[in-house]
Each structure stands twice: as C-alpha cells, then as structure tokens.
Amino acid sequence: MNNIIDAHIHLDLYKEKEIEHIMESLESARCTDLVSVSFHLESCRKNLELAKIYPQVKPAFGFHPEQELLTDHEAADLFQWMEANLDKMVAVGEVGLPYYSRIESEGAFSLEGYTELLDAFLRFAKKWDKPVVLHAVYDDAPIVCNLLEKHSIKNAHFHWFKGDNKTIERMIQNGYHISITPDVMYEEEIQRLVARYPLQQMMVETDGPWQFESEFAEKITQPNMIHRSVGRIAEIKQLDVHKVYEILYRNTKGFYQL
C-alpha cells in the first residue's frame, strides 16, 4: 500500500474508543494525516484538543450549514475563537449552504442568513490566506462558486461534490479541488465525476463517521477504506494505481500545506 491522507473526516464526532482505534490503526492503514473538519464552536474545540494529542490530526474550523443558523452573538464568538487559533488551523471548514435541510424542510426556508454567514467565512479565509472546505452540492454549488469568484478565492475544496456538468466545468476552470468518498465503489454519479474531473484537482476522503453501503455496510468508517477508493479511481482513469496514489497524496499535501 502507498501512503494516503484522509482529506475530510469528522474525527470529533466518533466515540472515544473509536477515535483511539482509528488513531492506533493509522500506521497500518498508511494514513499519515487526517483533515478533521468542525461542525460548530464546540466541535472546533474538540478537534483542537485532538490535534494536541495526535500530531496526525490537522484541524479545520468552521460551521456546518446543515443545522440551525448561528445567532449574531454565536457567530462573533466563533470568529473570535478562530482568529485566536489561526496558527492551529489548516483551513476554514466545514462551511457552505444547507441543501439537504432545505430540501427536507416542509415550510418556508430562507437561504439568506446562511449565504451571509458563508460570505463572512470566505472573507475570513481570504484575509488570513486559509483554504476553504465546502459543503456545496447541486443547486447550491453555483451560488458558492459566485461567492468564491467574488472574493478571488482559488484554494477551495468541495468535499463529496455532486452537481451538474456546467458547474463541474466551472469548478475545473477555476482550479477548485474535489474529494472522493468510498461510495465511488458503487455510485455511478460519483464514478462519472471521477471520469470527468482532473486527477490533479482531486483528493480522497471518508467523511466519517458517515457510513457507506455495499461492501462497507454496517462497518465503522475509517481511513483504510480510502485504499479501495484509490483503486477504483485508478480503474476509472485507466492509470497506474501507484501513480494515482502519488498524485492524490501530493495534491492533498500541497492544498493543505501539510
């Protein structure tokens, strides 16, 4: 096996024993780094503590959009905390827009506050020259592209991306990165994305503790699953698997300055 990096995981959301198991198994999985993204301020703090314990954990700080919007006071507290811990963070994330919450909502759902909050995160990232980890799929992706272009941000990572061909082409032209999850083993939509997107703008992730289907059903999501993803990417791209490992690893190292 070649070395890998999990470009997107919510390590803080695992149970304590699961965290211990994942960290103990990193060497055998040939995983050198985990980019652990945050859900909210408490999550940021937990990821920072994990990074102090485990040097392989590279924390990103932000606010996941698939939850109730922050109040102005809560947002101010989060940004103040992030600025106080700039030297500890590899990126701003996970941030974005609440596509799934909006689709599942039975009543009126205003996107305005979420868009304003994302704009604030992008201003923060631009000011402090930090990459951005994005939750932006389908109809939300063009909105996020508009905001990225507005702030002239190139270091954008769309994790587990899904969207139309026009947006995909726009993202490619803008130099944005995507990351591929283990569902590349069984999801045709993700396989088509892999075929279309340049390998030089691609990373691999687990998005754990999210659980996957097929061969991964009922298994705890952990970085060793990434090896199956890399093999499938190599098959789709019709490239030597060792070369694919090398490019994906280099992409992630470079993007996050690890």
Protein backbone atom coordinates (compact mmCIF):
# COMPACT_ATOMS: atom_id res chain seq x y z
CA MET A 1 0.00 0.00 0.00
CA ASN A 2 1.03 3.59 -0.65
CA ASN A 3 0.54 6.49 1.75
CA ILE A 4 -2.82 8.24 1.96
CA ILE A 5 -4.35 11.30 3.59
CA ASP A 6 -7.98 11.47 4.70
CA ALA A 7 -8.85 14.90 3.31
CA HIS A 8 -12.16 15.18 5.17
CA ILE A 9 -13.24 13.46 8.37
CA HIS A 10 -15.25 14.50 11.44
CA LEU A 11 -12.96 12.80 13.94
CA ASP A 12 -14.53 14.63 16.87
CA LEU A 13 -17.91 13.00 16.17
CA TYR A 14 -16.66 9.47 16.78
CA LYS A 15 -16.94 7.79 20.16
CA GLU A 16 -13.80 7.93 22.27
CA LYS A 17 -12.93 4.24 21.79
CA GLU A 18 -13.48 4.61 18.05
CA ILE A 19 -11.10 7.57 17.96
CA GLU A 20 -8.48 5.55 19.80
CA HIS A 21 -8.91 2.65 17.38
CA ILE A 22 -8.69 4.89 14.30
CA MET A 23 -5.57 6.63 15.54
CA GLU A 24 -3.91 3.36 16.54
CA SER A 25 -4.60 1.89 13.10
CA LEU A 26 -3.30 4.82 11.05
CA GLU A 27 0.16 3.33 10.62
CA SER A 28 -1.16 0.02 9.31
CA ALA A 29 -3.53 1.97 7.03
CA ARG A 30 -0.55 4.01 5.74
CA CYS A 31 -2.52 7.18 6.58
CA THR A 32 -0.17 10.00 7.51
CA ASP A 33 -2.69 12.79 8.12
CA LEU A 34 -6.38 13.43 8.84
CA VAL A 35 -8.01 16.76 7.99
CA SER A 36 -10.65 16.88 10.72
CA VAL A 37 -13.34 19.44 9.94
CA SER A 38 -15.57 21.08 12.51
CA PHE A 39 -19.34 21.35 12.96
CA HIS A 40 -19.57 24.33 15.35
CA LEU A 41 -17.55 26.01 18.10
CA GLU A 42 -17.67 23.04 20.47
CA SER A 43 -16.57 20.82 17.61
CA CYS A 44 -13.70 23.23 16.82
CA ARG A 45 -12.51 23.00 20.40
CA LYS A 46 -12.68 19.20 20.36
CA ASN A 47 -10.72 18.99 17.11
CA LEU A 48 -8.09 21.32 18.54
CA GLU A 49 -7.72 19.07 21.58
CA LEU A 50 -7.44 16.01 19.34
CA ALA A 51 -4.72 17.75 17.34
CA LYS A 52 -2.77 18.38 20.54
CA ILE A 53 -2.93 14.67 21.39
CA TYR A 54 -2.40 13.28 17.89
CA PRO A 55 0.03 15.06 15.53
CA GLN A 56 -1.61 13.37 12.52
CA VAL A 57 -4.81 15.38 13.12
CA LYS A 58 -4.92 18.61 11.12
CA PRO A 59 -7.96 20.63 12.25
CA ALA A 60 -10.19 22.88 10.18
CA PHE A 61 -12.52 25.29 11.99
CA GLY A 62 -15.94 26.39 10.83
CA PHE A 63 -19.69 25.79 10.98
CA HIS A 64 -21.50 23.02 9.10
CA PRO A 65 -24.52 24.55 7.33
CA GLU A 66 -26.93 21.63 7.80
CA GLN A 67 -28.07 22.90 11.19
CA GLU A 68 -29.88 25.83 12.75
CA LEU A 69 -28.27 29.12 11.81
CA LEU A 70 -25.98 30.82 14.31
CA THR A 71 -27.13 33.95 16.11
CA ASP A 72 -25.02 37.08 15.61
CA HIS A 73 -23.54 36.60 19.07
CA GLU A 74 -22.67 32.94 18.42
CA ALA A 75 -21.11 33.83 15.07
CA ALA A 76 -19.00 36.56 16.69
CA ASP A 77 -17.78 34.10 19.34
CA LEU A 78 -16.83 31.55 16.67
CA PHE A 79 -14.91 34.02 14.50
CA GLN A 80 -13.13 35.44 17.55
CA TRP A 81 -12.10 31.94 18.62
CA MET A 82 -10.94 31.04 15.11
CA GLU A 83 -8.82 34.18 14.89
CA ALA A 84 -7.25 33.36 18.26
CA ASN A 85 -6.30 29.91 16.92
CA LEU A 86 -5.16 30.79 13.40
CA ASP A 87 -1.83 29.04 13.78
CA LYS A 88 -3.55 25.78 14.75
CA MET A 89 -5.93 25.53 11.77
CA VAL A 90 -5.14 24.22 8.30
CA ALA A 91 -8.38 25.52 6.77
CA VAL A 92 -11.76 27.15 7.26
CA GLY A 93 -14.32 24.37 7.29
CA GLU A 94 -16.65 22.80 7.04
CA VAL A 95 -18.72 25.68 5.69
CA GLY A 96 -21.28 26.05 2.94
CA LEU A 97 -25.02 26.05 2.29
CA PRO A 98 -27.80 23.81 3.70
CA TYR A 99 -29.01 21.96 0.60
CA TYR A 100 -30.34 18.85 2.34
CA SER A 101 -32.03 20.77 5.16
CA ARG A 102 -33.75 22.99 2.63
CA ILE A 103 -34.96 20.04 0.55
CA GLU A 104 -36.30 18.24 3.63
CA SER A 105 -37.98 21.36 5.01
CA GLU A 106 -41.76 21.29 4.77
CA GLY A 107 -42.17 25.03 5.26
CA ALA A 108 -40.51 28.21 4.09
CA PHE A 109 -36.72 28.11 4.27
CA SER A 110 -34.64 31.26 3.92
CA LEU A 111 -31.17 30.83 2.48
CA GLU A 112 -30.22 34.46 3.03
CA GLY A 113 -28.73 34.12 6.52
CA TYR A 114 -26.69 31.08 5.51
CA THR A 115 -25.37 32.87 2.43
CA GLU A 116 -24.35 35.86 4.55
CA LEU A 117 -22.58 33.58 7.04
CA LEU A 118 -20.72 31.76 4.25
CA ASP A 119 -19.69 35.11 2.80
CA ALA A 120 -18.24 36.02 6.21
CA PHE A 121 -16.30 32.75 6.35
CA LEU A 122 -14.90 33.40 2.88
CA ARG A 123 -13.84 36.91 3.86
CA PHE A 124 -12.09 35.40 6.88
CA ALA A 125 -10.35 32.80 4.70
CA LYS A 126 -9.23 35.44 2.22
CA LYS A 127 -7.94 37.75 4.95
CA TRP A 128 -5.87 35.04 6.63
CA ASP A 129 -4.93 33.13 3.47
CA LYS A 130 -6.59 29.87 4.52
CA PRO A 131 -8.04 27.17 2.23
CA VAL A 132 -11.80 26.61 2.42
CA VAL A 133 -13.57 23.25 2.90
CA LEU A 134 -17.02 23.42 1.34
CA HIS A 135 -20.36 21.68 1.73
CA ALA A 136 -21.97 22.81 -1.53
CA VAL A 137 -23.90 20.41 -3.77
CA TYR A 138 -26.38 20.53 -6.62
CA ASP A 139 -28.27 23.87 -6.80
CA ASP A 140 -26.10 25.44 -4.10
CA ALA A 141 -22.80 24.91 -5.90
CA PRO A 142 -23.21 27.76 -8.45
CA ILE A 143 -24.08 30.15 -5.59
CA VAL A 144 -20.91 29.15 -3.78
CA CYS A 145 -18.87 29.50 -6.98
CA ASN A 146 -20.21 33.06 -7.29
CA LEU A 147 -19.03 33.86 -3.78
CA LEU A 148 -15.62 32.28 -4.32
CA GLU A 149 -15.16 34.30 -7.50
CA LYS A 150 -16.34 37.44 -5.71
CA HIS A 151 -13.53 37.03 -3.17
CA SER A 152 -10.98 35.71 -5.71
CA ILE A 153 -10.53 32.51 -3.70
CA LYS A 154 -8.80 29.67 -5.55
CA ASN A 155 -8.00 27.30 -2.68
CA ALA A 156 -11.48 25.79 -2.46
CA HIS A 157 -12.18 22.15 -1.62
CA PHE A 158 -15.66 20.88 -2.49
CA HIS A 159 -15.96 17.71 -0.44
CA TRP A 160 -18.21 14.84 -1.65
CA PHE A 161 -19.36 17.03 -4.53
CA LYS A 162 -22.44 16.36 -6.64
CA GLY A 163 -23.70 18.72 -9.32
CA ASP A 164 -24.42 19.42 -12.96
CA ASN A 165 -21.88 19.34 -15.78
CA LYS A 166 -21.89 23.11 -16.28
CA THR A 167 -20.92 23.69 -12.64
CA ILE A 168 -18.34 20.90 -12.77
CA GLU A 169 -16.70 22.56 -15.77
CA ARG A 170 -16.74 25.93 -13.99
CA MET A 171 -15.07 24.39 -10.94
CA ILE A 172 -12.41 22.75 -13.09
CA GLN A 173 -11.65 26.02 -14.88
CA ASN A 174 -11.40 27.85 -11.54
CA GLY A 175 -8.93 25.30 -10.19
CA TYR A 176 -11.12 24.07 -7.34
CA HIS A 177 -10.45 20.70 -5.74
CA ILE A 178 -12.91 17.90 -5.00
CA SER A 179 -12.56 14.81 -2.80
CA ILE A 180 -13.93 11.35 -3.41
CA THR A 181 -15.55 9.14 -0.78
CA PRO A 182 -15.80 5.32 -0.66
CA ASP A 183 -19.17 5.47 -2.43
CA VAL A 184 -17.15 5.69 -5.66
CA MET A 185 -17.21 1.90 -5.40
CA TYR A 186 -20.96 1.73 -6.12
CA GLU A 187 -22.37 5.18 -7.06
CA GLU A 188 -22.47 5.85 -10.81
CA GLU A 189 -22.83 9.61 -10.26
CA ILE A 190 -19.52 9.70 -8.37
CA GLN A 191 -17.85 7.44 -10.93
CA ARG A 192 -18.87 9.83 -13.71
CA LEU A 193 -17.48 12.74 -11.69
CA VAL A 194 -14.15 10.92 -11.29
CA ALA A 195 -14.01 10.28 -15.03
CA ARG A 196 -14.61 13.96 -15.82
CA TYR A 197 -12.59 15.76 -13.12
CA PRO A 198 -8.80 16.19 -13.48
CA LEU A 199 -6.82 13.95 -11.16
CA GLN A 200 -4.55 16.91 -10.40
CA GLN A 201 -7.53 18.61 -8.66
CA MET A 202 -8.71 15.59 -6.69
CA MET A 203 -8.30 14.24 -3.15
CA VAL A 204 -9.79 11.32 -1.22
CA GLU A 205 -11.81 11.34 2.00
CA THR A 206 -14.03 9.27 4.27
CA ASP A 207 -16.38 11.93 5.70
CA GLY A 208 -16.52 9.62 8.71
CA PRO A 209 -18.34 8.75 10.83
CA TRP A 210 -20.83 8.78 7.92
CA GLN A 211 -21.40 5.14 6.99
CA PHE A 212 -21.39 3.72 3.48
CA GLU A 213 -23.20 0.92 1.68
CA SER A 214 -22.28 -2.16 -0.34
CA GLU A 215 -19.02 -3.72 0.92
CA PHE A 216 -18.83 -1.09 3.68
CA ALA A 217 -22.32 -1.69 5.07
CA GLU A 218 -22.54 -1.70 8.88
CA LYS A 219 -18.80 -1.04 9.18
CA ILE A 220 -17.27 1.86 11.09
CA THR A 221 -15.96 4.31 8.53
CA GLN A 222 -12.22 4.68 8.83
CA PRO A 223 -9.26 5.79 6.67
CA ASN A 224 -8.26 2.31 5.48
CA MET A 225 -11.36 2.36 3.25
CA ILE A 226 -9.63 5.03 1.15
CA HIS A 227 -7.42 2.38 -0.45
CA ARG A 228 -10.49 0.90 -2.14
CA SER A 229 -11.40 4.37 -3.41
CA VAL A 230 -7.94 4.95 -4.84
CA GLY A 231 -8.04 1.62 -6.64
CA ARG A 232 -11.41 2.46 -8.18
CA ILE A 233 -10.22 5.93 -9.24
CA ALA A 234 -7.23 4.32 -10.97
CA GLU A 235 -9.56 1.91 -12.80
CA ILE A 236 -11.85 4.71 -13.96
CA LYS A 237 -8.94 6.89 -15.06
CA GLN A 238 -7.14 3.89 -16.59
CA LEU A 239 -3.93 4.87 -14.85
CA ASP A 240 -1.31 3.03 -12.84
CA VAL A 241 -2.60 2.80 -9.27
CA HIS A 242 0.76 3.77 -7.75
CA LYS A 243 0.81 6.92 -9.86
CA VAL A 244 -2.73 7.76 -8.72
CA TYR A 245 -1.71 7.30 -5.09
CA GLU A 246 1.24 9.63 -5.64
CA ILE A 247 -0.82 12.37 -7.30
CA LEU A 248 -3.67 12.28 -4.75
CA TYR A 249 -1.21 12.39 -1.86
CA ARG A 250 0.74 15.27 -3.40
CA ASN A 251 -2.47 17.18 -4.14
CA THR A 252 -3.62 16.99 -0.53
CA LYS A 253 -0.22 17.81 0.94
CA GLY A 254 0.04 20.84 -1.29
CA PHE A 255 -3.53 22.09 -0.85
CA TYR A 256 -3.41 21.97 2.95
CA GLN A 257 0.30 22.79 3.25
CA LEU A 258 0.87 19.72 5.42
